[in-house]
Amino acid sequence: MIQLNNKCQCQSCKGIHTVIYQPGDCEAIVQCEKCGQLWYSLLFEQMNFAGGDDTLEEYQIPISIPEYQQIIDTEYQYLNLKFLAGRKARVLHEGGIVEIESDLALSRCGRSQ
C-alpha cells in the first residue's frame, strides 16, 4: 500500500499531467517539488448560491510511477479509479492539509465506482 510521505507536507506541487479539465470537473497528476511524490488530484467545488464564497477543496491520493503510466495511457471515459480505494489520502483546503481515506475523496468527487 502506498503511504503518505510524512516528512514532506507536499504543499508545493506542480501539475505534470491533466486528466480532465472542464467546468466542475478537474483531475490531474501533480508532483511534490520537494520529495517527488506523485498524487492523483481531484478538485471539488461547492457553489454557494446564497452569495458567499464557494468552497474549493483539492483531494490528493498518492500514486506510484506504474499507476501514473496506467493513468496517462487510459482515456478518461475508461479510467476506473477503483485501484485508488483503501489508501491514505489528504485534502488541501483553506485550513491546511488533513489526512483522510481515499474512499472519501473519491466519493466526494463522484469518482467511487
C-alpha atoms as a PDB file:
ATOM      1  CA  MET A   1       0.000   0.000   0.000  1.00  0.00           C
ATOM      2  CA  ILE A   2       1.237   3.493  -0.808  1.00  0.00           C
ATOM      3  CA  GLN A   3       1.734   5.701   2.232  1.00  0.00           C
ATOM      4  CA  LEU A   4       1.927   9.464   2.636  1.00  0.00           C
ATOM      5  CA  ASN A   5       5.420  10.864   2.882  1.00  0.00           C
ATOM      6  CA  ASN A   6       5.208  12.132   6.469  1.00  0.00           C
ATOM      7  CA  LYS A   7       8.499  14.056   6.220  1.00  0.00           C
ATOM      8  CA  CYS A   8       7.182  16.343   3.491  1.00  0.00           C
ATOM      9  CA  GLN A   9       3.825  18.054   3.665  1.00  0.00           C
ATOM     10  CA  CYS A  10       3.954  18.477  -0.123  1.00  0.00           C
ATOM     11  CA  GLN A  11       2.227  21.845  -0.261  1.00  0.00           C
ATOM     12  CA  SER A  12       4.166  22.951  -3.331  1.00  0.00           C
ATOM     13  CA  CYS A  13       3.014  20.539  -6.023  1.00  0.00           C
ATOM     14  CA  LYS A  14       3.218  21.192  -9.750  1.00  0.00           C
ATOM     15  CA  GLY A  15       0.892  19.807 -12.371  1.00  0.00           C
ATOM     16  CA  ILE A  16       2.529  17.274 -14.675  1.00  0.00           C
ATOM     17  CA  HIS A  17      -0.488  15.782 -16.491  1.00  0.00           C
ATOM     18  CA  THR A  18      -4.086  16.956 -16.931  1.00  0.00           C
ATOM     19  CA  VAL A  19      -6.524  14.050 -16.887  1.00  0.00           C
ATOM     20  CA  ILE A  20      -9.626  16.187 -17.494  1.00  0.00           C
ATOM     21  CA  TYR A  21     -10.319  19.893 -17.281  1.00  0.00           C
ATOM     22  CA  GLN A  22     -13.823  21.188 -17.802  1.00  0.00           C
ATOM     23  CA  PRO A  23     -16.219  23.262 -15.715  1.00  0.00           C
ATOM     24  CA  GLY A  24     -16.968  21.422 -12.490  1.00  0.00           C
ATOM     25  CA  ASP A  25     -14.545  18.601 -13.230  1.00  0.00           C
ATOM     26  CA  CYS A  26     -10.793  18.876 -12.896  1.00  0.00           C
ATOM     27  CA  GLU A  27      -8.480  15.930 -12.344  1.00  0.00           C
ATOM     28  CA  ALA A  28      -4.711  15.913 -12.763  1.00  0.00           C
ATOM     29  CA  ILE A  29      -1.467  14.302 -11.749  1.00  0.00           C
ATOM     30  CA  VAL A  30       0.660  16.572  -9.592  1.00  0.00           C
ATOM     31  CA  GLN A  31       4.120  16.057  -8.159  1.00  0.00           C
ATOM     32  CA  CYS A  32       5.665  17.444  -4.994  1.00  0.00           C
ATOM     33  CA  GLU A  33       8.505  19.795  -5.812  1.00  0.00           C
ATOM     34  CA  LYS A  34      10.309  18.760  -2.612  1.00  0.00           C
ATOM     35  CA  CYS A  35      10.003  14.970  -2.286  1.00  0.00           C
ATOM     36  CA  GLY A  36       8.846  13.911  -5.775  1.00  0.00           C
ATOM     37  CA  GLN A  37       5.674  12.124  -4.550  1.00  0.00           C
ATOM     38  CA  LEU A  38       3.073  11.735  -7.310  1.00  0.00           C
ATOM     39  CA  TRP A  39      -0.554  12.487  -6.446  1.00  0.00           C
ATOM     40  CA  TYR A  40      -3.850  11.967  -8.251  1.00  0.00           C
ATOM     41  CA  SER A  41      -5.557  15.316  -7.687  1.00  0.00           C
ATOM     42  CA  LEU A  42      -9.326  15.851  -7.751  1.00  0.00           C
ATOM     43  CA  LEU A  43     -10.840  19.306  -7.311  1.00  0.00           C
ATOM     44  CA  PHE A  44     -14.157  19.638  -5.531  1.00  0.00           C
ATOM     45  CA  GLU A  45     -16.052  22.907  -5.737  1.00  0.00           C
ATOM     46  CA  GLN A  46     -19.265  23.528  -3.880  1.00  0.00           C
ATOM     47  CA  MET A  47     -21.121  26.577  -5.164  1.00  0.00           C
ATOM     48  CA  ASN A  48     -22.646  28.936  -2.615  1.00  0.00           C
ATOM     49  CA  PHE A  49     -25.750  30.279  -4.287  1.00  0.00           C
ATOM     50  CA  ALA A  50     -26.601  32.398  -1.238  1.00  0.00           C
ATOM     51  CA  GLY A  51     -23.890  34.881  -2.224  1.00  0.00           C
ATOM     52  CA  GLY A  52     -20.960  33.791  -0.064  1.00  0.00           C
ATOM     53  CA  ASP A  53     -17.666  32.296  -1.113  1.00  0.00           C
ATOM     54  CA  ASP A  54     -17.626  28.938  -2.872  1.00  0.00           C
ATOM     55  CA  THR A  55     -15.912  26.016  -1.132  1.00  0.00           C
ATOM     56  CA  LEU A  56     -12.879  24.693  -3.006  1.00  0.00           C
ATOM     57  CA  GLU A  57     -11.068  21.575  -1.835  1.00  0.00           C
ATOM     58  CA  GLU A  58      -8.312  19.602  -3.510  1.00  0.00           C
ATOM     59  CA  TYR A  59      -8.182  15.908  -2.765  1.00  0.00           C
ATOM     60  CA  GLN A  60      -4.862  14.181  -3.392  1.00  0.00           C
ATOM     61  CA  ILE A  61      -4.284  10.439  -3.449  1.00  0.00           C
ATOM     62  CA  PRO A  62      -0.695   9.164  -3.638  1.00  0.00           C
ATOM     63  CA  ILE A  63       0.170   7.102  -6.702  1.00  0.00           C
ATOM     64  CA  SER A  64       3.190   5.139  -7.896  1.00  0.00           C
ATOM     65  CA  ILE A  65       5.065   5.578 -11.174  1.00  0.00           C
ATOM     66  CA  PRO A  66       3.421   2.461 -12.727  1.00  0.00           C
ATOM     67  CA  GLU A  67      -0.010   3.831 -11.703  1.00  0.00           C
ATOM     68  CA  TYR A  68       0.899   7.186 -13.259  1.00  0.00           C
ATOM     69  CA  GLN A  69       1.740   5.398 -16.503  1.00  0.00           C
ATOM     70  CA  GLN A  70      -1.545   3.463 -16.350  1.00  0.00           C
ATOM     71  CA  ILE A  71      -3.479   6.710 -15.876  1.00  0.00           C
ATOM     72  CA  ILE A  72      -1.851   8.576 -18.765  1.00  0.00           C
ATOM     73  CA  ASP A  73      -2.284   5.559 -21.058  1.00  0.00           C
ATOM     74  CA  THR A  74      -6.054   5.348 -20.385  1.00  0.00           C
ATOM     75  CA  GLU A  75      -8.673   7.610 -21.948  1.00  0.00           C
ATOM     76  CA  TYR A  76     -10.683   9.460 -19.305  1.00  0.00           C
ATOM     77  CA  GLN A  77     -14.007   7.765 -20.090  1.00  0.00           C
ATOM     78  CA  TYR A  78     -12.363   4.372 -19.444  1.00  0.00           C
ATOM     79  CA  LEU A  79     -10.368   5.425 -16.380  1.00  0.00           C
ATOM     80  CA  ASN A  80     -11.651   3.422 -13.413  1.00  0.00           C
ATOM     81  CA  LEU A  81     -10.135   4.765 -10.193  1.00  0.00           C
ATOM     82  CA  LYS A  82     -11.142   1.742  -8.114  1.00  0.00           C
ATOM     83  CA  PHE A  83      -7.445   0.897  -7.686  1.00  0.00           C
ATOM     84  CA  LEU A  84      -7.031   4.088  -5.596  1.00  0.00           C
ATOM     85  CA  ALA A  85      -9.509   2.908  -2.936  1.00  0.00           C
ATOM     86  CA  GLY A  86      -8.368   1.948   0.551  1.00  0.00           C
ATOM     87  CA  ARG A  87      -5.314   4.148   0.911  1.00  0.00           C
ATOM     88  CA  LYS A  88      -4.440   7.200   2.929  1.00  0.00           C
ATOM     89  CA  ALA A  89      -5.015  10.455   1.089  1.00  0.00           C
ATOM     90  CA  ARG A  90      -5.343  14.107   2.004  1.00  0.00           C
ATOM     91  CA  VAL A  91      -7.446  17.151   1.418  1.00  0.00           C
ATOM     92  CA  LEU A  92      -5.989  20.623   0.923  1.00  0.00           C
ATOM     93  CA  HIS A  93      -8.299  23.445   1.921  1.00  0.00           C
ATOM     94  CA  GLU A  94      -8.149  26.918   3.438  1.00  0.00           C
ATOM     95  CA  GLY A  95      -7.377  25.449   6.862  1.00  0.00           C
ATOM     96  CA  GLY A  96      -4.371  23.454   5.664  1.00  0.00           C
ATOM     97  CA  ILE A  97      -3.814  19.755   4.987  1.00  0.00           C
ATOM     98  CA  VAL A  98      -5.849  16.985   6.595  1.00  0.00           C
ATOM     99  CA  GLU A  99      -5.225  13.245   6.173  1.00  0.00           C
ATOM    100  CA  ILE A 100      -8.300  11.306   5.023  1.00  0.00           C
ATOM    101  CA  GLU A 101      -9.185   7.993   3.414  1.00  0.00           C
ATOM    102  CA  SER A 102      -9.087   7.869  -0.384  1.00  0.00           C
ATOM    103  CA  ASP A 103     -12.593   6.373  -0.426  1.00  0.00           C
ATOM    104  CA  LEU A 104     -13.936   9.646   0.999  1.00  0.00           C
ATOM    105  CA  ALA A 105     -12.088  11.687  -1.636  1.00  0.00           C
ATOM    106  CA  LEU A 106     -13.339   9.524  -4.490  1.00  0.00           C
ATOM    107  CA  SER A 107     -16.903   9.555  -3.168  1.00  0.00           C
ATOM    108  CA  ARG A 108     -16.971  13.309  -2.546  1.00  0.00           C
ATOM    109  CA  CYS A 109     -15.751  13.955  -6.105  1.00  0.00           C
ATOM    110  CA  GLY A 110     -18.181  11.482  -7.669  1.00  0.00           C
ATOM    111  CA  ARG A 111     -15.474   9.002  -8.703  1.00  0.00           C
ATOM    112  CA  SER A 112     -16.233   5.992  -6.487  1.00  0.00           C
ATOM    113  CA  GLN A 113     -17.280   3.093  -8.638  1.00  0.00           C
END
